[in-house]
PDB file of all heavy atoms in Angstrom:
ATOM      1  N   VAL A   1     -11.092   0.989  16.145  1.00  0.00           N
ATOM      2  CA  VAL A   1     -11.815   2.045  16.881  1.00  0.00           C
ATOM      3  C   VAL A   1     -11.666   3.388  16.217  1.00  0.00           C
ATOM      4  O   VAL A   1     -12.681   4.127  16.055  1.00  0.00           O
ATOM      5  CB  VAL A   1     -11.379   2.161  18.302  1.00  0.00           C
ATOM      6  CG1 VAL A   1     -12.163   3.239  19.105  1.00  0.00           C
ATOM      7  CG2 VAL A   1     -11.501   0.809  19.030  1.00  0.00           C
ATOM      8  N   VAL A   2     -10.513   3.758  15.754  1.00  0.00           N
ATOM      9  CA  VAL A   2     -10.282   4.974  15.100  1.00  0.00           C
ATOM     10  C   VAL A   2      -9.792   4.679  13.636  1.00  0.00           C
ATOM     11  O   VAL A   2      -9.398   3.599  13.306  1.00  0.00           O
ATOM     12  CB  VAL A   2      -9.216   5.807  15.881  1.00  0.00           C
ATOM     13  CG1 VAL A   2      -9.733   6.262  17.193  1.00  0.00           C
ATOM     14  CG2 VAL A   2      -7.895   5.079  15.991  1.00  0.00           C
ATOM     15  N   ASP A   3      -9.832   5.718  12.837  1.00  0.00           N
ATOM     16  CA  ASP A   3      -9.427   5.570  11.441  1.00  0.00           C
ATOM     17  C   ASP A   3      -7.996   5.180  11.300  1.00  0.00           C
ATOM     18  O   ASP A   3      -7.122   5.628  11.964  1.00  0.00           O
ATOM     19  CB  ASP A   3      -9.728   6.866  10.772  1.00  0.00           C
ATOM     20  CG  ASP A   3      -9.742   6.731   9.241  1.00  0.00           C
ATOM     21  OD1 ASP A   3      -8.646   6.744   8.598  1.00  0.00           O
ATOM     22  OD2 ASP A   3     -10.867   6.585   8.666  1.00  0.00           O
ATOM     23  N   ASN A   4      -7.719   4.256  10.328  1.00  0.00           N
ATOM     24  CA  ASN A   4      -6.349   3.768  10.180  1.00  0.00           C
ATOM     25  C   ASN A   4      -5.453   4.733   9.505  1.00  0.00           C
ATOM     26  O   ASN A   4      -4.213   4.604   9.584  1.00  0.00           O
ATOM     27  CB  ASN A   4      -6.364   2.430   9.422  1.00  0.00           C
ATOM     28  CG  ASN A   4      -6.958   2.465   8.124  1.00  0.00           C
ATOM     29  OD1 ASN A   4      -7.361   3.512   7.568  1.00  0.00           O
ATOM     30  ND2 ASN A   4      -7.007   1.325   7.336  1.00  0.00           N
ATOM     31  N   VAL A   5      -5.954   5.750   8.801  1.00  0.00           N
ATOM     32  CA  VAL A   5      -5.114   6.746   8.163  1.00  0.00           C
ATOM     33  C   VAL A   5      -4.283   7.537   9.183  1.00  0.00           C
ATOM     34  O   VAL A   5      -3.047   7.574   9.053  1.00  0.00           O
ATOM     35  CB  VAL A   5      -5.936   7.733   7.309  1.00  0.00           C
ATOM     36  CG1 VAL A   5      -5.119   8.930   6.852  1.00  0.00           C
ATOM     37  CG2 VAL A   5      -6.597   7.007   6.155  1.00  0.00           C
ATOM     38  N   PRO A   6      -4.816   8.171  10.233  1.00  0.00           N
ATOM     39  CA  PRO A   6      -4.018   8.814  11.217  1.00  0.00           C
ATOM     40  C   PRO A   6      -3.045   7.858  11.961  1.00  0.00           C
ATOM     41  O   PRO A   6      -1.997   8.230  12.343  1.00  0.00           O
ATOM     42  CB  PRO A   6      -5.013   9.481  12.175  1.00  0.00           C
ATOM     43  CG  PRO A   6      -6.291   8.779  11.970  1.00  0.00           C
ATOM     44  CD  PRO A   6      -6.317   8.361  10.593  1.00  0.00           C
ATOM     45  N   LEU A   7      -3.486   6.600  12.125  1.00  0.00           N
ATOM     46  CA  LEU A   7      -2.600   5.663  12.852  1.00  0.00           C
ATOM     47  C   LEU A   7      -1.375   5.372  12.065  1.00  0.00           C
ATOM     48  O   LEU A   7      -0.258   5.352  12.581  1.00  0.00           O
ATOM     49  CB  LEU A   7      -3.357   4.336  13.109  1.00  0.00           C
ATOM     50  CG  LEU A   7      -4.355   4.313  14.316  1.00  0.00           C
ATOM     51  CD1 LEU A   7      -5.096   3.004  14.353  1.00  0.00           C
ATOM     52  CD2 LEU A   7      -3.599   4.583  15.607  1.00  0.00           C
ATOM     53  N   VAL A   8      -1.502   5.148  10.745  1.00  0.00           N
ATOM     54  CA  VAL A   8      -0.404   4.857   9.920  1.00  0.00           C
ATOM     55  C   VAL A   8       0.481   6.094   9.771  1.00  0.00           C
ATOM     56  O   VAL A   8       1.709   6.024   9.760  1.00  0.00           O
ATOM     57  CB  VAL A   8      -0.812   4.277   8.553  1.00  0.00           C
ATOM     58  CG1 VAL A   8       0.320   4.232   7.576  1.00  0.00           C
ATOM     59  CG2 VAL A   8      -1.497   2.915   8.688  1.00  0.00           C
ATOM     60  N   ALA A   9      -0.191   7.249   9.583  1.00  0.00           N
ATOM     61  CA  ALA A   9       0.578   8.515   9.510  1.00  0.00           C
ATOM     62  C   ALA A   9       1.446   8.730  10.794  1.00  0.00           C
ATOM     63  O   ALA A   9       2.560   9.133  10.719  1.00  0.00           O
ATOM     64  CB  ALA A   9      -0.372   9.695   9.285  1.00  0.00           C
ATOM     65  N   ALA A  10       0.779   8.369  11.943  1.00  0.00           N
ATOM     66  CA  ALA A  10       1.512   8.485  13.177  1.00  0.00           C
ATOM     67  C   ALA A  10       2.687   7.492  13.214  1.00  0.00           C
ATOM     68  O   ALA A  10       3.845   7.809  13.678  1.00  0.00           O
ATOM     69  CB  ALA A  10       0.629   8.269  14.396  1.00  0.00           C
ATOM     70  N   SER A  11       2.504   6.282  12.780  1.00  0.00           N
ATOM     71  CA  SER A  11       3.539   5.282  12.807  1.00  0.00           C
ATOM     72  C   SER A  11       4.711   5.716  11.907  1.00  0.00           C
ATOM     73  O   SER A  11       5.831   5.460  12.225  1.00  0.00           O
ATOM     74  CB  SER A  11       2.986   3.912  12.265  1.00  0.00           C
ATOM     75  OG  SER A  11       1.902   3.524  13.102  1.00  0.00           O
ATOM     76  N   MET A  12       4.399   6.350  10.754  1.00  0.00           N
ATOM     77  CA  MET A  12       5.445   6.808   9.850  1.00  0.00           C
ATOM     78  C   MET A  12       6.279   7.885  10.493  1.00  0.00           C
ATOM     79  O   MET A  12       7.463   8.075  10.193  1.00  0.00           O
ATOM     80  CB  MET A  12       4.774   7.325   8.559  1.00  0.00           C
ATOM     81  CG  MET A  12       4.142   6.279   7.697  1.00  0.00           C
ATOM     82  SD  MET A  12       3.106   6.881   6.360  1.00  0.00           S
ATOM     83  CE  MET A  12       4.295   7.628   5.335  1.00  0.00           C
ATOM     84  N   GLY A  13       5.656   8.648  11.385  1.00  0.00           N
ATOM     85  CA  GLY A  13       6.401   9.673  12.141  1.00  0.00           C
ATOM     86  C   GLY A  13       7.138   9.114  13.320  1.00  0.00           C
ATOM     87  O   GLY A  13       8.107   9.738  13.780  1.00  0.00           O
ATOM     88  N   MET A  14       6.645   7.985  13.857  1.00  0.00           N
ATOM     89  CA  MET A  14       7.272   7.459  15.120  1.00  0.00           C
ATOM     90  C   MET A  14       8.592   6.687  14.789  1.00  0.00           C
ATOM     91  O   MET A  14       9.455   6.686  15.610  1.00  0.00           O
ATOM     92  CB  MET A  14       6.252   6.417  15.693  1.00  0.00           C
ATOM     93  CG  MET A  14       5.092   7.066  16.454  1.00  0.00           C
ATOM     94  SD  MET A  14       3.687   5.975  16.762  1.00  0.00           S
ATOM     95  CE  MET A  14       4.526   4.599  17.694  1.00  0.00           C
ATOM     96  N   TYR A  15       8.639   6.084  13.616  1.00  0.00           N
ATOM     97  CA  TYR A  15       9.836   5.267  13.307  1.00  0.00           C
ATOM     98  C   TYR A  15      10.415   5.798  12.032  1.00  0.00           C
ATOM     99  O   TYR A  15       9.800   6.049  11.036  1.00  0.00           O
ATOM    100  CB  TYR A  15       9.395   3.795  13.120  1.00  0.00           C
ATOM    101  CG  TYR A  15       8.670   3.191  14.253  1.00  0.00           C
ATOM    102  CD1 TYR A  15       7.327   3.056  14.323  1.00  0.00           C
ATOM    103  CD2 TYR A  15       9.456   2.860  15.414  1.00  0.00           C
ATOM    104  CE1 TYR A  15       6.676   2.537  15.415  1.00  0.00           C
ATOM    105  CE2 TYR A  15       8.812   2.237  16.557  1.00  0.00           C
ATOM    106  CZ  TYR A  15       7.414   2.131  16.534  1.00  0.00           C
ATOM    107  OH  TYR A  15       6.765   1.621  17.615  1.00  0.00           O
ATOM    108  N   SER A  16      11.787   5.886  12.041  1.00  0.00           N
ATOM    109  CA  SER A  16      12.535   6.449  10.896  1.00  0.00           C
ATOM    110  C   SER A  16      12.942   5.330   9.915  1.00  0.00           C
ATOM    111  O   SER A  16      13.128   4.172  10.296  1.00  0.00           O
ATOM    112  CB  SER A  16      13.743   7.197  11.359  1.00  0.00           C
ATOM    113  OG  SER A  16      14.690   6.341  11.959  1.00  0.00           O
ATOM    114  N   LEU A  17      13.155   5.793   8.686  1.00  0.00           N
ATOM    115  CA  LEU A  17      13.627   4.827   7.635  1.00  0.00           C
ATOM    116  C   LEU A  17      15.075   4.454   7.890  1.00  0.00           C
ATOM    117  O   LEU A  17      15.553   3.387   7.421  1.00  0.00           O
ATOM    118  CB  LEU A  17      13.431   5.472   6.238  1.00  0.00           C
ATOM    119  CG  LEU A  17      12.095   5.359   5.638  1.00  0.00           C
ATOM    120  CD1 LEU A  17      11.973   6.256   4.375  1.00  0.00           C
ATOM    121  CD2 LEU A  17      11.680   3.910   5.268  1.00  0.00           C
ATOM    122  N   GLN A  18      15.833   5.308   8.614  1.00  0.00           N
ATOM    123  CA  GLN A  18      17.226   4.932   8.913  1.00  0.00           C
ATOM    124  C   GLN A  18      17.277   3.740   9.866  1.00  0.00           C
ATOM    125  O   GLN A  18      18.074   2.849   9.707  1.00  0.00           O
ATOM    126  CB  GLN A  18      17.964   6.120   9.477  1.00  0.00           C
ATOM    127  CG  GLN A  18      18.284   7.280   8.569  1.00  0.00           C
ATOM    128  CD  GLN A  18      17.030   8.092   8.187  1.00  0.00           C
ATOM    129  OE1 GLN A  18      16.061   8.181   8.990  1.00  0.00           O
ATOM    130  NE2 GLN A  18      17.067   8.669   7.024  1.00  0.00           N
ATOM    131  N   GLN A  19      16.352   3.716  10.810  1.00  0.00           N
ATOM    132  CA  GLN A  19      16.328   2.621  11.794  1.00  0.00           C
ATOM    133  C   GLN A  19      15.641   1.388  11.231  1.00  0.00           C
ATOM    134  O   GLN A  19      16.048   0.311  11.485  1.00  0.00           O
ATOM    135  CB  GLN A  19      15.608   3.138  13.069  1.00  0.00           C
ATOM    136  CG  GLN A  19      15.630   2.112  14.203  1.00  0.00           C
ATOM    137  CD  GLN A  19      14.911   2.650  15.422  1.00  0.00           C
ATOM    138  OE1 GLN A  19      14.277   3.738  15.412  1.00  0.00           O
ATOM    139  NE2 GLN A  19      14.982   1.904  16.539  1.00  0.00           N
ATOM    140  N   TYR A  20      14.571   1.648  10.487  1.00  0.00           N
ATOM    141  CA  TYR A  20      13.810   0.551   9.890  1.00  0.00           C
ATOM    142  C   TYR A  20      13.712   0.793   8.396  1.00  0.00           C
ATOM    143  O   TYR A  20      12.813   1.513   7.943  1.00  0.00           O
ATOM    144  CB  TYR A  20      12.394   0.444  10.486  1.00  0.00           C
ATOM    145  CG  TYR A  20      12.424   0.249  11.990  1.00  0.00           C
ATOM    146  CD1 TYR A  20      12.228   1.251  12.922  1.00  0.00           C
ATOM    147  CD2 TYR A  20      12.602  -1.055  12.508  1.00  0.00           C
ATOM    148  CE1 TYR A  20      12.237   1.040  14.273  1.00  0.00           C
ATOM    149  CE2 TYR A  20      12.616  -1.329  13.860  1.00  0.00           C
ATOM    150  CZ  TYR A  20      12.428  -0.233  14.708  1.00  0.00           C
ATOM    151  OH  TYR A  20      12.431  -0.475  16.083  1.00  0.00           O
ATOM    152  N   PRO A  21      14.575   0.165   7.606  1.00  0.00           N
ATOM    153  CA  PRO A  21      14.610   0.415   6.093  1.00  0.00           C
ATOM    154  C   PRO A  21      13.334  -0.041   5.425  1.00  0.00           C
ATOM    155  O   PRO A  21      12.484  -0.732   6.003  1.00  0.00           O
ATOM    156  CB  PRO A  21      15.838  -0.376   5.684  1.00  0.00           C
ATOM    157  CG  PRO A  21      16.597  -0.653   6.934  1.00  0.00           C
ATOM    158  CD  PRO A  21      15.612  -0.746   8.028  1.00  0.00           C
ATOM    159  N   ALA A  22      13.261   0.328   4.159  1.00  0.00           N
ATOM    160  CA  ALA A  22      12.113  -0.104   3.335  1.00  0.00           C
ATOM    161  C   ALA A  22      11.929  -1.575   3.312  1.00  0.00           C
ATOM    162  O   ALA A  22      12.959  -2.302   3.321  1.00  0.00           O
ATOM    163  CB  ALA A  22      12.249   0.480   1.973  1.00  0.00           C
ATOM    164  N   ASP A  23      10.685  -2.054   3.397  1.00  0.00           N
ATOM    165  CA  ASP A  23      10.286  -3.518   3.275  1.00  0.00           C
ATOM    166  C   ASP A  23      10.770  -4.324   4.517  1.00  0.00           C
ATOM    167  O   ASP A  23      10.843  -5.504   4.471  1.00  0.00           O
ATOM    168  CB  ASP A  23      10.859  -4.120   2.067  1.00  0.00           C
ATOM    169  CG  ASP A  23      10.306  -3.551   0.782  1.00  0.00           C
ATOM    170  OD1 ASP A  23       9.098  -3.254   0.781  1.00  0.00           O
ATOM    171  OD2 ASP A  23      11.013  -3.291  -0.155  1.00  0.00           O
ATOM    172  N   SER A  24      11.068  -3.644   5.687  1.00  0.00           N
ATOM    173  CA  SER A  24      11.379  -4.370   6.809  1.00  0.00           C
ATOM    174  C   SER A  24      10.138  -4.911   7.495  1.00  0.00           C
ATOM    175  O   SER A  24       8.981  -4.554   7.123  1.00  0.00           O
ATOM    176  CB  SER A  24      12.184  -3.454   7.894  1.00  0.00           C
ATOM    177  OG  SER A  24      11.343  -2.368   8.218  1.00  0.00           O
ATOM    178  N   PHE A  25      10.310  -5.830   8.482  1.00  0.00           N
ATOM    179  CA  PHE A  25       9.221  -6.457   9.150  1.00  0.00           C
ATOM    180  C   PHE A  25       8.211  -5.395   9.646  1.00  0.00           C
ATOM    181  O   PHE A  25       6.975  -5.535   9.520  1.00  0.00           O
ATOM    182  CB  PHE A  25       9.793  -7.231  10.332  1.00  0.00           C
ATOM    183  CG  PHE A  25       8.667  -7.825  11.242  1.00  0.00           C
ATOM    184  CD1 PHE A  25       7.988  -8.972  10.933  1.00  0.00           C
ATOM    185  CD2 PHE A  25       8.299  -7.096  12.386  1.00  0.00           C
ATOM    186  CE1 PHE A  25       6.987  -9.448  11.835  1.00  0.00           C
ATOM    187  CE2 PHE A  25       7.318  -7.592  13.221  1.00  0.00           C
ATOM    188  CZ  PHE A  25       6.693  -8.754  12.869  1.00  0.00           C
ATOM    189  N   LEU A  26       8.714  -4.290  10.261  1.00  0.00           N
ATOM    190  CA  LEU A  26       7.857  -3.303  10.802  1.00  0.00           C
ATOM    191  C   LEU A  26       6.870  -2.765   9.909  1.00  0.00           C
ATOM    192  O   LEU A  26       5.628  -2.738  10.129  1.00  0.00           O
ATOM    193  CB  LEU A  26       8.704  -2.169  11.427  1.00  0.00           C
ATOM    194  CG  LEU A  26       7.885  -0.968  12.001  1.00  0.00           C
ATOM    195  CD1 LEU A  26       7.206  -1.324  13.283  1.00  0.00           C
ATOM    196  CD2 LEU A  26       8.787   0.241  12.174  1.00  0.00           C
ATOM    197  N   TRP A  27       7.364  -2.277   8.742  1.00  0.00           N
ATOM    198  CA  TRP A  27       6.519  -1.552   7.796  1.00  0.00           C
ATOM    199  C   TRP A  27       5.521  -2.536   7.090  1.00  0.00           C
ATOM    200  O   TRP A  27       4.329  -2.204   6.912  1.00  0.00           O
ATOM    201  CB  TRP A  27       7.318  -0.928   6.689  1.00  0.00           C
ATOM    202  CG  TRP A  27       8.260   0.146   7.276  1.00  0.00           C
ATOM    203  CD1 TRP A  27       9.610   0.155   7.157  1.00  0.00           C
ATOM    204  CD2 TRP A  27       7.921   1.254   8.034  1.00  0.00           C
ATOM    205  NE1 TRP A  27      10.153   1.252   7.799  1.00  0.00           N
ATOM    206  CE2 TRP A  27       9.112   1.937   8.369  1.00  0.00           C
ATOM    207  CE3 TRP A  27       6.720   1.777   8.509  1.00  0.00           C
ATOM    208  CZ2 TRP A  27       9.155   3.115   9.168  1.00  0.00           C
ATOM    209  CZ3 TRP A  27       6.697   2.989   9.277  1.00  0.00           C
ATOM    210  CH2 TRP A  27       7.900   3.613   9.546  1.00  0.00           C
ATOM    211  N   GLU A  28       5.922  -3.729   6.718  1.00  0.00           N
ATOM    212  CA  GLU A  28       5.007  -4.711   6.172  1.00  0.00           C
ATOM    213  C   GLU A  28       3.879  -5.113   7.112  1.00  0.00           C
ATOM    214  O   GLU A  28       2.686  -5.220   6.760  1.00  0.00           O
ATOM    215  CB  GLU A  28       5.755  -5.907   5.599  1.00  0.00           C
ATOM    216  CG  GLU A  28       6.514  -5.637   4.345  1.00  0.00           C
ATOM    217  CD  GLU A  28       7.010  -6.930   3.728  1.00  0.00           C
ATOM    218  OE1 GLU A  28       6.875  -8.019   4.342  1.00  0.00           O
ATOM    219  OE2 GLU A  28       7.581  -6.911   2.627  1.00  0.00           O
ATOM    220  N   PHE A  29       4.252  -5.320   8.346  1.00  0.00           N
ATOM    221  CA  PHE A  29       3.374  -5.752   9.386  1.00  0.00           C
ATOM    222  C   PHE A  29       2.363  -4.666   9.730  1.00  0.00           C
ATOM    223  O   PHE A  29       1.147  -4.875   9.972  1.00  0.00           O
ATOM    224  CB  PHE A  29       4.065  -6.275  10.653  1.00  0.00           C
ATOM    225  CG  PHE A  29       3.235  -7.233  11.425  1.00  0.00           C
ATOM    226  CD1 PHE A  29       2.356  -8.106  10.877  1.00  0.00           C
ATOM    227  CD2 PHE A  29       3.358  -7.179  12.845  1.00  0.00           C
ATOM    228  CE1 PHE A  29       1.627  -8.943  11.672  1.00  0.00           C
ATOM    229  CE2 PHE A  29       2.594  -8.028  13.611  1.00  0.00           C
ATOM    230  CZ  PHE A  29       1.709  -8.873  13.041  1.00  0.00           C
ATOM    231  N   ILE A  30       2.840  -3.387   9.678  1.00  0.00           N
ATOM    232  CA  ILE A  30       1.942  -2.229   9.914  1.00  0.00           C
ATOM    233  C   ILE A  30       0.920  -2.169   8.802  1.00  0.00           C
ATOM    234  O   ILE A  30      -0.267  -1.935   9.036  1.00  0.00           O
ATOM    235  CB  ILE A  30       2.763  -0.946   9.997  1.00  0.00           C
ATOM    236  CG1 ILE A  30       3.444  -0.811  11.386  1.00  0.00           C
ATOM    237  CG2 ILE A  30       1.861   0.329   9.801  1.00  0.00           C
ATOM    238  CD1 ILE A  30       4.271   0.415  11.631  1.00  0.00           C
ATOM    239  N   ALA A  31       1.393  -2.407   7.576  1.00  0.00           N
ATOM    240  CA  ALA A  31       0.475  -2.365   6.373  1.00  0.00           C
ATOM    241  C   ALA A  31      -0.605  -3.420   6.593  1.00  0.00           C
ATOM    242  O   ALA A  31      -1.803  -3.087   6.329  1.00  0.00           O
ATOM    243  CB  ALA A  31       1.219  -2.630   5.082  1.00  0.00           C
ATOM    244  N   TYR A  32      -0.249  -4.638   7.019  1.00  0.00           N
ATOM    245  CA  TYR A  32      -1.231  -5.720   7.219  1.00  0.00           C
ATOM    246  C   TYR A  32      -2.181  -5.321   8.384  1.00  0.00           C
ATOM    247  O   TYR A  32      -3.432  -5.385   8.222  1.00  0.00           O
ATOM    248  CB  TYR A  32      -0.587  -7.045   7.500  1.00  0.00           C
ATOM    249  CG  TYR A  32      -1.551  -8.060   7.930  1.00  0.00           C
ATOM    250  CD1 TYR A  32      -2.340  -8.732   7.047  1.00  0.00           C
ATOM    251  CD2 TYR A  32      -1.784  -8.331   9.349  1.00  0.00           C
ATOM    252  CE1 TYR A  32      -3.277  -9.688   7.394  1.00  0.00           C
ATOM    253  CE2 TYR A  32      -2.739  -9.286   9.717  1.00  0.00           C
ATOM    254  CZ  TYR A  32      -3.455  -9.906   8.817  1.00  0.00           C
ATOM    255  OH  TYR A  32      -4.396 -10.817   9.193  1.00  0.00           O
ATOM    256  N   CYS A  33      -1.648  -5.016   9.566  1.00  0.00           N
ATOM    257  CA  CYS A  33      -2.441  -4.770  10.746  1.00  0.00           C
ATOM    258  C   CYS A  33      -3.348  -3.659  10.633  1.00  0.00           C
ATOM    259  O   CYS A  33      -4.557  -3.679  10.956  1.00  0.00           O
ATOM    260  CB  CYS A  33      -1.591  -4.725  11.970  1.00  0.00           C
ATOM    261  SG  CYS A  33      -0.721  -6.262  12.450  1.00  0.00           S
ATOM    262  N   ALA A  34      -2.808  -2.498  10.139  1.00  0.00           N
ATOM    263  CA  ALA A  34      -3.665  -1.301  10.052  1.00  0.00           C
ATOM    264  C   ALA A  34      -4.720  -1.483   8.935  1.00  0.00           C
ATOM    265  O   ALA A  34      -5.806  -0.941   9.061  1.00  0.00           O
ATOM    266  CB  ALA A  34      -2.761  -0.091   9.774  1.00  0.00           C
ATOM    267  N   GLY A  35      -4.360  -2.224   7.902  1.00  0.00           N
ATOM    268  CA  GLY A  35      -5.300  -2.373   6.791  1.00  0.00           C
ATOM    269  C   GLY A  35      -6.439  -3.338   7.164  1.00  0.00           C
ATOM    270  O   GLY A  35      -7.627  -3.093   6.701  1.00  0.00           O
ATOM    271  N   THR A  36      -6.181  -4.399   7.893  1.00  0.00           N
ATOM    272  CA  THR A  36      -7.188  -5.390   8.154  1.00  0.00           C
ATOM    273  C   THR A  36      -7.782  -5.252   9.539  1.00  0.00           C
ATOM    274  O   THR A  36      -8.952  -5.751   9.719  1.00  0.00           O
ATOM    275  CB  THR A  36      -6.610  -6.846   8.028  1.00  0.00           C
ATOM    276  OG1 THR A  36      -5.544  -6.975   8.961  1.00  0.00           O
ATOM    277  CG2 THR A  36      -6.084  -7.092   6.670  1.00  0.00           C
ATOM    278  N   GLY A  37      -7.140  -4.617  10.531  1.00  0.00           N
ATOM    279  CA  GLY A  37      -7.682  -4.457  11.855  1.00  0.00           C
ATOM    280  C   GLY A  37      -8.951  -3.664  11.802  1.00  0.00           C
ATOM    281  O   GLY A  37      -9.808  -3.763  12.683  1.00  0.00           O
ATOM    282  N   GLY A  38      -9.076  -2.774  10.789  1.00  0.00           N
ATOM    283  CA  GLY A  38     -10.254  -1.832  10.738  1.00  0.00           C
ATOM    284  C   GLY A  38     -11.546  -2.631  10.532  1.00  0.00           C
ATOM    285  O   GLY A  38     -12.667  -2.072  10.745  1.00  0.00           O
ATOM    286  N   SER A  39     -11.475  -3.889  10.031  1.00  0.00           N
ATOM    287  CA  SER A  39     -12.658  -4.676   9.778  1.00  0.00           C
ATOM    288  C   SER A  39     -13.359  -5.115  11.101  1.00  0.00           C
ATOM    289  O   SER A  39     -14.547  -5.554  11.064  1.00  0.00           O
ATOM    290  CB  SER A  39     -12.309  -5.921   8.995  1.00  0.00           C
ATOM    291  OG  SER A  39     -11.672  -5.567   7.774  1.00  0.00           O
ATOM    292  N   ILE A  40     -12.664  -5.086  12.229  1.00  0.00           N
ATOM    293  CA  ILE A  40     -13.181  -5.647  13.491  1.00  0.00           C
ATOM    294  C   ILE A  40     -14.435  -4.843  13.951  1.00  0.00           C
ATOM    295  O   ILE A  40     -15.376  -5.406  14.488  1.00  0.00           O
ATOM    296  CB  ILE A  40     -12.086  -5.717  14.595  1.00  0.00           C
ATOM    297  CG1 ILE A  40     -10.931  -6.610  14.081  1.00  0.00           C
ATOM    298  CG2 ILE A  40     -12.653  -6.210  15.880  1.00  0.00           C
ATOM    299  CD1 ILE A  40      -9.749  -6.564  14.965  1.00  0.00           C
ATOM    300  N   LEU A  41     -14.470  -3.561  13.740  1.00  0.00           N
ATOM    301  CA  LEU A  41     -15.610  -2.725  13.982  1.00  0.00           C
ATOM    302  C   LEU A  41     -16.087  -2.000  12.720  1.00  0.00           C
ATOM    303  O   LEU A  41     -15.194  -1.695  11.902  1.00  0.00           O
ATOM    304  CB  LEU A  41     -15.328  -1.714  15.148  1.00  0.00           C
ATOM    305  CG  LEU A  41     -15.060  -2.244  16.493  1.00  0.00           C
ATOM    306  CD1 LEU A  41     -14.742  -1.137  17.475  1.00  0.00           C
ATOM    307  CD2 LEU A  41     -16.240  -3.065  16.997  1.00  0.00           C
ATOM    308  N   ILE A  42     -17.339  -1.714  12.570  1.00  0.00           N
ATOM    309  CA  ILE A  42     -17.905  -1.120  11.367  1.00  0.00           C
ATOM    310  C   ILE A  42     -17.278   0.278  11.105  1.00  0.00           C
ATOM    311  O   ILE A  42     -17.195   0.723  10.003  1.00  0.00           O
ATOM    312  CB  ILE A  42     -19.429  -1.072  11.463  1.00  0.00           C
ATOM    313  CG1 ILE A  42     -20.029  -0.697  10.087  1.00  0.00           C
ATOM    314  CG2 ILE A  42     -19.870  -0.119  12.514  1.00  0.00           C
ATOM    315  CD1 ILE A  42     -20.086  -1.764   9.075  1.00  0.00           C
ATOM    316  N   ILE A  43     -16.883   1.026  12.207  1.00  0.00           N
ATOM    317  CA  ILE A  43     -16.361   2.378  11.920  1.00  0.00           C
ATOM    318  C   ILE A  43     -14.914   2.354  11.803  1.00  0.00           C
ATOM    319  O   ILE A  43     -14.254   3.465  11.739  1.00  0.00           O
ATOM    320  CB  ILE A  43     -16.824   3.252  13.178  1.00  0.00           C
ATOM    321  CG1 ILE A  43     -16.145   2.743  14.505  1.00  0.00           C
ATOM    322  CG2 ILE A  43     -18.321   3.383  13.348  1.00  0.00           C
ATOM    323  CD1 ILE A  43     -16.185   3.689  15.656  1.00  0.00           C
ATOM    324  N   GLY A  44     -14.273   1.179  11.758  1.00  0.00           N
ATOM    325  CA  GLY A  44     -12.822   1.148  11.801  1.00  0.00           C
ATOM    326  C   GLY A  44     -12.159   1.332  10.444  1.00  0.00           C
ATOM    327  O   GLY A  44     -10.952   1.398  10.319  1.00  0.00           O
ATOM    328  N   SER A  45     -12.970   1.440   9.326  1.00  0.00           N
ATOM    329  CA  SER A  45     -12.359   1.579   8.085  1.00  0.00           C
ATOM    330  C   SER A  45     -13.320   2.309   7.125  1.00  0.00           C
ATOM    331  O   SER A  45     -14.523   2.404   7.431  1.00  0.00           O
ATOM    332  CB  SER A  45     -12.056   0.176   7.373  1.00  0.00           C
ATOM    333  OG  SER A  45     -13.270  -0.513   7.180  1.00  0.00           O
ATOM    334  N   ALA A  46     -12.765   2.887   6.059  1.00  0.00           N
ATOM    335  CA  ALA A  46     -13.628   3.573   5.083  1.00  0.00           C
ATOM    336  C   ALA A  46     -14.585   2.609   4.392  1.00  0.00           C
ATOM    337  O   ALA A  46     -15.793   2.957   4.133  1.00  0.00           O
ATOM    338  CB  ALA A  46     -12.770   4.247   3.962  1.00  0.00           C
TER     339      ALA A  46
END
């Protein structure tokens, strides 16, 4: 529904690297879901 850039930017601010280190489940799954979820509607991705 909305652009994935602000969503991922918001997610990066919501969760810290101290709590969720690099390459943890959270960050990889965010990369997948935010990257591919935008295909569901025509306005969801660049």
